[in-house]
Amino acid sequence: MDASTIAAQLRQKIIEGKYPHGSKLPTVRDLAAEHGVSQQTASAVYTALGALGLVRTDARSGTRVAASKQSDAHLGTFTPPDLSVAEAWKPTAAQGTATEETTLVRQLDAPAQMTAWGITEGTTVVERTRIRSVDGVPVQHKMTVMPYEIAAKMPDGYEGTPPMLTPAGETSPKAPAGVRVADWLGWDTARTESVITAEPMDGTVCAALGIPAGAPGFQIVGVTLSSQGGTVFVTITSAQLHHRVTLDIIG
């Protein structure tokens, strides 16, 4: 078991209130023994949690929980009048030149954790991964997941591989200028529910961004729903904490 996995387990207990604010956590030695890892790995767990502001360690009192049980802050519901005017992600000109690359397109059976996004376990889904870079340096990892039947849809009159199934490394067809991809492909999209958290990033994400395993970051999960309440697609965007998360709402 690595440090990021143990840190994720402890973080979950903290946000659920199983380790309340001020409670003392196991010593590094006890944590190492509990999980069968080295004391160096156990120490890295508390370093990761400390970087998130979840715990505080000092020589006299050990490591104690510094965060309260998780609570949600709902910012409101907004319905832009014209989604076609939205712009894709890009940095300012002063920050550098933006590029995006699709690094993975695959089909798989939905694992149990996807049920939280409204996707039934075991159903066939398509996963697409894109890496966003500035001046060639990876800064964001974006994964999109959608049911296969939605990914396989094609525009009227279109021939060839469905756009959402274009293999990594090949150029994916684009929607006509001013037309949303959802409208171009005939998807029924009604609204998107988003959740932003700060937590240790998944090992796969860290590897793709070239940063140490377990590094803290923002995770933005957007679940786009149909008019009937079904999940059309899900996006999971990850970025390091020193980046900013911004959003324009039109209307």
C-alpha atoms as a PDB file:
ATOM      1  CA  MET A   1       0.000   0.000   0.000  1.00  0.00           C
ATOM      2  CA  ASP A   2       1.448   3.407  -0.912  1.00  0.00           C
ATOM      3  CA  ALA A   3       1.280   6.713   0.953  1.00  0.00           C
ATOM      4  CA  SER A   4      -1.397   8.227  -1.296  1.00  0.00           C
ATOM      5  CA  THR A   5      -3.771   5.302  -0.667  1.00  0.00           C
ATOM      6  CA  ILE A   6      -3.344   5.483   3.108  1.00  0.00           C
ATOM      7  CA  ALA A   7      -3.724   9.276   3.022  1.00  0.00           C
ATOM      8  CA  ALA A   8      -6.962   8.920   1.046  1.00  0.00           C
ATOM      9  CA  GLN A   9      -8.349   6.481   3.625  1.00  0.00           C
ATOM     10  CA  LEU A  10      -7.487   8.767   6.544  1.00  0.00           C
ATOM     11  CA  ARG A  11      -8.862  11.796   4.707  1.00  0.00           C
ATOM     12  CA  GLN A  12     -12.160   9.971   4.193  1.00  0.00           C
ATOM     13  CA  LYS A  13     -12.404   9.241   7.917  1.00  0.00           C
ATOM     14  CA  ILE A  14     -11.686  12.885   8.734  1.00  0.00           C
ATOM     15  CA  ILE A  15     -14.312  14.291   6.354  1.00  0.00           C
ATOM     16  CA  GLU A  16     -16.864  11.762   7.624  1.00  0.00           C
ATOM     17  CA  GLY A  17     -16.205  12.853  11.211  1.00  0.00           C
ATOM     18  CA  LYS A  18     -14.782   9.496  12.322  1.00  0.00           C
ATOM     19  CA  TYR A  19     -11.680  11.428  13.365  1.00  0.00           C
ATOM     20  CA  PRO A  20     -13.160  14.670  14.761  1.00  0.00           C
ATOM     21  CA  HIS A  21     -11.345  17.978  14.998  1.00  0.00           C
ATOM     22  CA  GLY A  22      -8.582  17.868  17.608  1.00  0.00           C
ATOM     23  CA  SER A  23      -8.460  14.084  17.861  1.00  0.00           C
ATOM     24  CA  LYS A  24      -5.059  12.440  17.997  1.00  0.00           C
ATOM     25  CA  LEU A  25      -3.993  10.197  15.122  1.00  0.00           C
ATOM     26  CA  PRO A  26      -1.725   7.136  15.447  1.00  0.00           C
ATOM     27  CA  THR A  27       1.991   7.752  15.788  1.00  0.00           C
ATOM     28  CA  VAL A  28       4.114   7.294  12.681  1.00  0.00           C
ATOM     29  CA  ARG A  29       5.357   3.999  14.100  1.00  0.00           C
ATOM     30  CA  ASP A  30       1.832   2.745  14.850  1.00  0.00           C
ATOM     31  CA  LEU A  31       0.512   3.881  11.458  1.00  0.00           C
ATOM     32  CA  ALA A  32       3.366   2.057   9.728  1.00  0.00           C
ATOM     33  CA  ALA A  33       2.659  -1.130  11.704  1.00  0.00           C
ATOM     34  CA  GLU A  34      -1.092  -0.908  11.055  1.00  0.00           C
ATOM     35  CA  HIS A  35      -0.641  -0.768   7.275  1.00  0.00           C
ATOM     36  CA  GLY A  36       2.511  -2.843   6.981  1.00  0.00           C
ATOM     37  CA  VAL A  37       4.612  -0.038   5.486  1.00  0.00           C
ATOM     38  CA  SER A  38       7.855   1.705   6.388  1.00  0.00           C
ATOM     39  CA  GLN A  39       7.925   4.610   8.824  1.00  0.00           C
ATOM     40  CA  GLN A  40       9.111   6.767   5.926  1.00  0.00           C
ATOM     41  CA  THR A  41       5.916   5.958   4.019  1.00  0.00           C
ATOM     42  CA  ALA A  42       3.795   6.596   7.128  1.00  0.00           C
ATOM     43  CA  SER A  43       5.514   9.949   7.631  1.00  0.00           C
ATOM     44  CA  ALA A  44       4.762  10.832   3.983  1.00  0.00           C
ATOM     45  CA  VAL A  45       1.064  10.185   4.699  1.00  0.00           C
ATOM     46  CA  TYR A  46       0.991  12.864   7.410  1.00  0.00           C
ATOM     47  CA  THR A  47       3.039  15.212   5.242  1.00  0.00           C
ATOM     48  CA  ALA A  48       0.433  14.911   2.467  1.00  0.00           C
ATOM     49  CA  LEU A  49      -2.472  15.442   4.862  1.00  0.00           C
ATOM     50  CA  GLY A  50      -0.671  18.373   6.472  1.00  0.00           C
ATOM     51  CA  ALA A  51      -0.201  20.019   3.065  1.00  0.00           C
ATOM     52  CA  LEU A  52      -3.987  19.918   2.690  1.00  0.00           C
ATOM     53  CA  GLY A  53      -4.474  21.515   6.109  1.00  0.00           C
ATOM     54  CA  LEU A  54      -6.184  18.408   7.466  1.00  0.00           C
ATOM     55  CA  VAL A  55      -3.681  17.581  10.225  1.00  0.00           C
ATOM     56  CA  ARG A  56      -1.049  19.352  12.312  1.00  0.00           C
ATOM     57  CA  THR A  57       2.031  17.707  13.797  1.00  0.00           C
ATOM     58  CA  ASP A  58       4.370  18.861  16.568  1.00  0.00           C
ATOM     59  CA  ALA A  59       6.981  17.069  18.638  1.00  0.00           C
ATOM     60  CA  ARG A  60       5.034  17.242  21.927  1.00  0.00           C
ATOM     61  CA  SER A  61       1.430  16.430  21.000  1.00  0.00           C
ATOM     62  CA  GLY A  62       1.951  14.278  17.921  1.00  0.00           C
ATOM     63  CA  THR A  63      -0.388  14.487  14.936  1.00  0.00           C
ATOM     64  CA  ARG A  64      -3.902  15.827  15.490  1.00  0.00           C
ATOM     65  CA  VAL A  65      -6.812  16.513  13.174  1.00  0.00           C
ATOM     66  CA  ALA A  66      -6.955  20.208  12.256  1.00  0.00           C
ATOM     67  CA  ALA A  67     -10.053  20.090  10.041  1.00  0.00           C
ATOM     68  CA  SER A  68     -13.738  19.829  10.816  1.00  0.00           C
ATOM     69  CA  LYS A  69     -16.143  17.331   9.330  1.00  0.00           C
ATOM     70  CA  GLN A  70     -16.747  18.110   5.663  1.00  0.00           C
ATOM     71  CA  SER A  71     -19.627  20.429   4.767  1.00  0.00           C
ATOM     72  CA  ASP A  72     -20.865  21.571   1.368  1.00  0.00           C
ATOM     73  CA  ALA A  73     -21.184  25.170   0.190  1.00  0.00           C
ATOM     74  CA  HIS A  74     -23.762  25.355  -2.587  1.00  0.00           C
ATOM     75  CA  LEU A  75     -23.033  28.388  -4.735  1.00  0.00           C
ATOM     76  CA  GLY A  76     -26.329  28.377  -6.627  1.00  0.00           C
ATOM     77  CA  THR A  77     -27.824  27.174  -9.898  1.00  0.00           C
ATOM     78  CA  PHE A  78     -27.183  29.090 -13.112  1.00  0.00           C
ATOM     79  CA  THR A  79     -28.654  28.575 -16.585  1.00  0.00           C
ATOM     80  CA  PRO A  80     -26.760  30.390 -19.342  1.00  0.00           C
ATOM     81  CA  PRO A  81     -29.065  31.526 -22.165  1.00  0.00           C
ATOM     82  CA  ASP A  82     -26.630  30.536 -24.932  1.00  0.00           C
ATOM     83  CA  LEU A  83     -24.067  27.838 -24.221  1.00  0.00           C
ATOM     84  CA  SER A  84     -22.586  28.175 -27.716  1.00  0.00           C
ATOM     85  CA  VAL A  85     -20.731  31.330 -26.617  1.00  0.00           C
ATOM     86  CA  ALA A  86     -18.708  29.390 -24.031  1.00  0.00           C
ATOM     87  CA  GLU A  87     -14.979  29.217 -24.653  1.00  0.00           C
ATOM     88  CA  ALA A  88     -12.807  26.153 -24.226  1.00  0.00           C
ATOM     89  CA  TRP A  89     -10.111  26.066 -21.562  1.00  0.00           C
ATOM     90  CA  LYS A  90      -7.126  28.251 -22.275  1.00  0.00           C
ATOM     91  CA  PRO A  91      -4.539  30.233 -20.284  1.00  0.00           C
ATOM     92  CA  THR A  92      -4.031  33.931 -20.769  1.00  0.00           C
ATOM     93  CA  ALA A  93      -1.572  34.982 -23.475  1.00  0.00           C
ATOM     94  CA  ALA A  94       0.918  36.012 -20.786  1.00  0.00           C
ATOM     95  CA  GLN A  95       0.916  32.507 -19.296  1.00  0.00           C
ATOM     96  CA  GLY A  96       1.939  30.770 -22.501  1.00  0.00           C
ATOM     97  CA  THR A  97       0.593  28.678 -25.359  1.00  0.00           C
ATOM     98  CA  ALA A  98      -2.045  26.061 -24.595  1.00  0.00           C
ATOM     99  CA  THR A  99      -2.186  22.613 -26.167  1.00  0.00           C
ATOM    100  CA  GLU A 100      -4.335  19.541 -25.557  1.00  0.00           C
ATOM    101  CA  GLU A 101      -3.646  15.916 -26.379  1.00  0.00           C
ATOM    102  CA  THR A 102      -5.878  12.849 -26.148  1.00  0.00           C
ATOM    103  CA  THR A 103      -3.723  10.197 -24.502  1.00  0.00           C
ATOM    104  CA  LEU A 104      -6.207   7.378 -23.950  1.00  0.00           C
ATOM    105  CA  VAL A 105      -9.488   6.134 -25.423  1.00  0.00           C
ATOM    106  CA  ARG A 106     -10.791   2.826 -24.155  1.00  0.00           C
ATOM    107  CA  GLN A 107     -13.920   0.799 -23.446  1.00  0.00           C
ATOM    108  CA  LEU A 108     -14.416  -0.849 -20.067  1.00  0.00           C
ATOM    109  CA  ASP A 109     -17.048  -2.192 -17.698  1.00  0.00           C
ATOM    110  CA  ALA A 110     -18.034   0.530 -15.247  1.00  0.00           C
ATOM    111  CA  PRO A 111     -16.540  -0.130 -11.785  1.00  0.00           C
ATOM    112  CA  ALA A 112     -18.599   0.281  -8.629  1.00  0.00           C
ATOM    113  CA  GLN A 113     -17.343   3.815  -7.887  1.00  0.00           C
ATOM    114  CA  MET A 114     -19.021   5.116 -11.048  1.00  0.00           C
ATOM    115  CA  THR A 115     -22.443   4.513  -9.483  1.00  0.00           C
ATOM    116  CA  ALA A 116     -21.893   7.799  -7.608  1.00  0.00           C
ATOM    117  CA  TRP A 117     -22.068   9.482 -11.027  1.00  0.00           C
ATOM    118  CA  GLY A 118     -25.294   7.730 -12.019  1.00  0.00           C
ATOM    119  CA  ILE A 119     -23.593   5.059 -14.145  1.00  0.00           C
ATOM    120  CA  THR A 120     -24.701   1.488 -13.462  1.00  0.00           C
ATOM    121  CA  GLU A 121     -21.922  -0.866 -12.398  1.00  0.00           C
ATOM    122  CA  GLY A 122     -20.926  -3.283 -15.157  1.00  0.00           C
ATOM    123  CA  THR A 123     -22.341  -1.283 -18.068  1.00  0.00           C
ATOM    124  CA  THR A 124     -19.996  -0.592 -20.978  1.00  0.00           C
ATOM    125  CA  VAL A 125     -18.536   2.897 -20.876  1.00  0.00           C
ATOM    126  CA  VAL A 126     -15.994   4.822 -22.912  1.00  0.00           C
ATOM    127  CA  GLU A 127     -13.187   6.621 -21.108  1.00  0.00           C
ATOM    128  CA  ARG A 128     -11.260   9.416 -22.798  1.00  0.00           C
ATOM    129  CA  THR A 129      -8.226  11.077 -21.202  1.00  0.00           C
ATOM    130  CA  ARG A 130      -6.791  14.420 -22.285  1.00  0.00           C
ATOM    131  CA  ILE A 131      -3.704  16.229 -21.011  1.00  0.00           C
ATOM    132  CA  ARG A 132      -3.718  20.032 -21.115  1.00  0.00           C
ATOM    133  CA  SER A 133      -0.321  21.733 -21.290  1.00  0.00           C
ATOM    134  CA  VAL A 134       1.107  25.241 -21.256  1.00  0.00           C
ATOM    135  CA  ASP A 135       4.279  25.666 -23.305  1.00  0.00           C
ATOM    136  CA  GLY A 136       4.597  21.888 -23.364  1.00  0.00           C
ATOM    137  CA  VAL A 137       4.375  21.422 -19.571  1.00  0.00           C
ATOM    138  CA  PRO A 138       1.363  19.314 -18.413  1.00  0.00           C
ATOM    139  CA  VAL A 139      -0.896  21.298 -16.068  1.00  0.00           C
ATOM    140  CA  GLN A 140      -4.301  19.575 -16.175  1.00  0.00           C
ATOM    141  CA  HIS A 141      -5.545  15.996 -16.485  1.00  0.00           C
ATOM    142  CA  LYS A 142      -9.081  15.587 -17.808  1.00  0.00           C
ATOM    143  CA  MET A 143     -10.952  12.304 -17.997  1.00  0.00           C
ATOM    144  CA  THR A 144     -14.366  12.004 -19.662  1.00  0.00           C
ATOM    145  CA  VAL A 145     -16.582   8.958 -19.087  1.00  0.00           C
ATOM    146  CA  MET A 146     -19.825   8.219 -20.921  1.00  0.00           C
ATOM    147  CA  PRO A 147     -22.068   5.221 -21.638  1.00  0.00           C
ATOM    148  CA  TYR A 148     -21.055   3.459 -24.852  1.00  0.00           C
ATOM    149  CA  GLU A 149     -24.380   4.076 -26.572  1.00  0.00           C
ATOM    150  CA  ILE A 150     -23.878   7.817 -26.139  1.00  0.00           C
ATOM    151  CA  ALA A 151     -20.234   7.727 -27.233  1.00  0.00           C
ATOM    152  CA  ALA A 152     -21.223   5.806 -30.374  1.00  0.00           C
ATOM    153  CA  LYS A 153     -23.628   8.471 -31.649  1.00  0.00           C
ATOM    154  CA  MET A 154     -22.763  10.239 -34.900  1.00  0.00           C
ATOM    155  CA  PRO A 155     -24.035  13.433 -36.590  1.00  0.00           C
ATOM    156  CA  ASP A 156     -26.607  13.067 -39.363  1.00  0.00           C
ATOM    157  CA  GLY A 157     -24.934  12.116 -42.624  1.00  0.00           C
ATOM    158  CA  TYR A 158     -21.589  11.398 -40.955  1.00  0.00           C
ATOM    159  CA  GLU A 159     -19.587   8.345 -42.031  1.00  0.00           C
ATOM    160  CA  GLY A 160     -16.632   6.738 -40.299  1.00  0.00           C
ATOM    161  CA  THR A 161     -15.622   6.172 -36.683  1.00  0.00           C
ATOM    162  CA  PRO A 162     -17.899   7.976 -34.204  1.00  0.00           C
ATOM    163  CA  PRO A 163     -16.074  11.148 -33.064  1.00  0.00           C
ATOM    164  CA  MET A 164     -16.043  10.106 -29.396  1.00  0.00           C
ATOM    165  CA  LEU A 165     -14.458   6.759 -30.331  1.00  0.00           C
ATOM    166  CA  THR A 166     -11.567   8.230 -32.316  1.00  0.00           C
ATOM    167  CA  PRO A 167      -8.415   6.455 -31.053  1.00  0.00           C
ATOM    168  CA  ALA A 168      -5.744   8.377 -29.159  1.00  0.00           C
ATOM    169  CA  GLY A 169      -3.172   9.840 -31.506  1.00  0.00           C
ATOM    170  CA  GLU A 170      -5.652  10.361 -34.339  1.00  0.00           C
ATOM    171  CA  THR A 171      -7.383  13.647 -35.152  1.00  0.00           C
ATOM    172  CA  SER A 172     -10.917  13.693 -33.807  1.00  0.00           C
ATOM    173  CA  PRO A 173     -13.564  15.447 -35.967  1.00  0.00           C
ATOM    174  CA  LYS A 174     -14.797  18.734 -34.559  1.00  0.00           C
ATOM    175  CA  ALA A 175     -18.300  20.179 -34.423  1.00  0.00           C
ATOM    176  CA  PRO A 176     -18.995  23.032 -36.866  1.00  0.00           C
ATOM    177  CA  ALA A 177     -18.116  26.501 -35.580  1.00  0.00           C
ATOM    178  CA  GLY A 178     -20.715  27.831 -33.153  1.00  0.00           C
ATOM    179  CA  VAL A 179     -22.311  24.400 -32.611  1.00  0.00           C
ATOM    180  CA  ARG A 180     -22.038  22.570 -29.288  1.00  0.00           C
ATOM    181  CA  VAL A 181     -20.671  19.031 -29.449  1.00  0.00           C
ATOM    182  CA  ALA A 182     -23.791  17.838 -27.594  1.00  0.00           C
ATOM    183  CA  ASP A 183     -26.069  19.356 -30.229  1.00  0.00           C
ATOM    184  CA  TRP A 184     -23.891  18.110 -33.099  1.00  0.00           C
ATOM    185  CA  LEU A 185     -24.029  14.529 -31.775  1.00  0.00           C
ATOM    186  CA  GLY A 186     -27.687  14.666 -30.781  1.00  0.00           C
ATOM    187  CA  TRP A 187     -27.183  14.297 -27.037  1.00  0.00           C
ATOM    188  CA  ASP A 188     -29.999  15.256 -24.679  1.00  0.00           C
ATOM    189  CA  THR A 189     -28.238  17.514 -22.145  1.00  0.00           C
ATOM    190  CA  ALA A 190     -30.241  19.500 -19.589  1.00  0.00           C
ATOM    191  CA  ARG A 191     -27.835  20.521 -16.815  1.00  0.00           C
ATOM    192  CA  THR A 192     -24.458  19.826 -15.216  1.00  0.00           C
ATOM    193  CA  GLU A 193     -23.830  19.286 -11.519  1.00  0.00           C
ATOM    194  CA  SER A 194     -20.264  20.086 -10.424  1.00  0.00           C
ATOM    195  CA  VAL A 195     -18.303  19.300  -7.275  1.00  0.00           C
ATOM    196  CA  ILE A 196     -14.843  20.765  -6.540  1.00  0.00           C
ATOM    197  CA  THR A 197     -12.648  19.193  -3.862  1.00  0.00           C
ATOM    198  CA  ALA A 198      -8.998  19.462  -2.776  1.00  0.00           C
ATOM    199  CA  GLU A 199      -7.387  16.097  -2.083  1.00  0.00           C
ATOM    200  CA  PRO A 200      -4.347  13.905  -2.853  1.00  0.00           C
ATOM    201  CA  MET A 201      -4.435  13.166  -6.573  1.00  0.00           C
ATOM    202  CA  ASP A 202      -4.753   9.688  -8.031  1.00  0.00           C
ATOM    203  CA  GLY A 203      -1.453   7.970  -8.855  1.00  0.00           C
ATOM    204  CA  THR A 204      -2.330   7.745 -12.541  1.00  0.00           C
ATOM    205  CA  VAL A 205      -2.986  11.490 -12.644  1.00  0.00           C
ATOM    206  CA  CYS A 206       0.287  12.274 -10.865  1.00  0.00           C
ATOM    207  CA  ALA A 207       2.216  10.102 -13.323  1.00  0.00           C
ATOM    208  CA  ALA A 208       0.560  11.799 -16.302  1.00  0.00           C
ATOM    209  CA  LEU A 209       1.414  15.256 -14.945  1.00  0.00           C
ATOM    210  CA  GLY A 210       4.947  14.239 -13.969  1.00  0.00           C
ATOM    211  CA  ILE A 211       4.577  15.089 -10.267  1.00  0.00           C
ATOM    212  CA  PRO A 212       5.183  13.071  -7.061  1.00  0.00           C
ATOM    213  CA  ALA A 213       2.574  10.470  -6.141  1.00  0.00           C
ATOM    214  CA  GLY A 214       0.037  11.709  -3.608  1.00  0.00           C
ATOM    215  CA  ALA A 215       0.545  15.389  -4.441  1.00  0.00           C
ATOM    216  CA  PRO A 216      -2.488  17.494  -3.431  1.00  0.00           C
ATOM    217  CA  GLY A 217      -4.668  19.037  -6.078  1.00  0.00           C
ATOM    218  CA  PHE A 218      -8.081  20.226  -7.136  1.00  0.00           C
ATOM    219  CA  GLN A 219     -10.519  17.678  -8.499  1.00  0.00           C
ATOM    220  CA  ILE A 220     -13.494  19.054 -10.430  1.00  0.00           C
ATOM    221  CA  VAL A 221     -16.200  16.481 -11.183  1.00  0.00           C
ATOM    222  CA  GLY A 222     -18.967  17.549 -13.556  1.00  0.00           C
ATOM    223  CA  VAL A 223     -21.925  15.220 -14.149  1.00  0.00           C
ATOM    224  CA  THR A 224     -24.014  16.235 -17.164  1.00  0.00           C
ATOM    225  CA  LEU A 225     -27.588  14.978 -16.984  1.00  0.00           C
ATOM    226  CA  SER A 226     -30.315  14.517 -19.585  1.00  0.00           C
ATOM    227  CA  SER A 227     -33.808  15.983 -19.391  1.00  0.00           C
ATOM    228  CA  GLN A 228     -34.868  12.625 -17.915  1.00  0.00           C
ATOM    229  CA  GLY A 229     -32.186  12.744 -15.209  1.00  0.00           C
ATOM    230  CA  GLY A 230     -29.870  10.129 -16.718  1.00  0.00           C
ATOM    231  CA  THR A 231     -26.104  10.606 -16.909  1.00  0.00           C
ATOM    232  CA  VAL A 232     -24.929  11.682 -20.355  1.00  0.00           C
ATOM    233  CA  PHE A 233     -21.254  12.108 -19.524  1.00  0.00           C
ATOM    234  CA  VAL A 234     -18.930  12.848 -16.629  1.00  0.00           C
ATOM    235  CA  THR A 235     -15.742  14.922 -16.654  1.00  0.00           C
ATOM    236  CA  ILE A 236     -13.072  14.682 -13.958  1.00  0.00           C
ATOM    237  CA  THR A 237     -10.477  17.439 -14.179  1.00  0.00           C
ATOM    238  CA  SER A 238      -7.410  17.440 -11.911  1.00  0.00           C
ATOM    239  CA  ALA A 239      -4.895  20.254 -11.343  1.00  0.00           C
ATOM    240  CA  GLN A 240      -2.291  21.031  -8.696  1.00  0.00           C
ATOM    241  CA  LEU A 241      -3.263  23.333  -5.829  1.00  0.00           C
ATOM    242  CA  HIS A 242      -1.020  26.177  -6.955  1.00  0.00           C
ATOM    243  CA  HIS A 243      -3.192  26.571 -10.067  1.00  0.00           C
ATOM    244  CA  ARG A 244      -6.454  28.509 -10.002  1.00  0.00           C
ATOM    245  CA  VAL A 245      -9.900  27.157 -10.845  1.00  0.00           C
ATOM    246  CA  THR A 246     -12.007  29.729 -12.700  1.00  0.00           C
ATOM    247  CA  LEU A 247     -15.444  29.687 -14.292  1.00  0.00           C
ATOM    248  CA  ASP A 248     -17.389  32.126 -16.438  1.00  0.00           C
ATOM    249  CA  ILE A 249     -21.170  32.146 -16.082  1.00  0.00           C
ATOM    250  CA  ILE A 250     -23.020  33.924 -18.860  1.00  0.00           C
ATOM    251  CA  GLY A 251     -26.451  35.317 -18.118  1.00  0.00           C
END
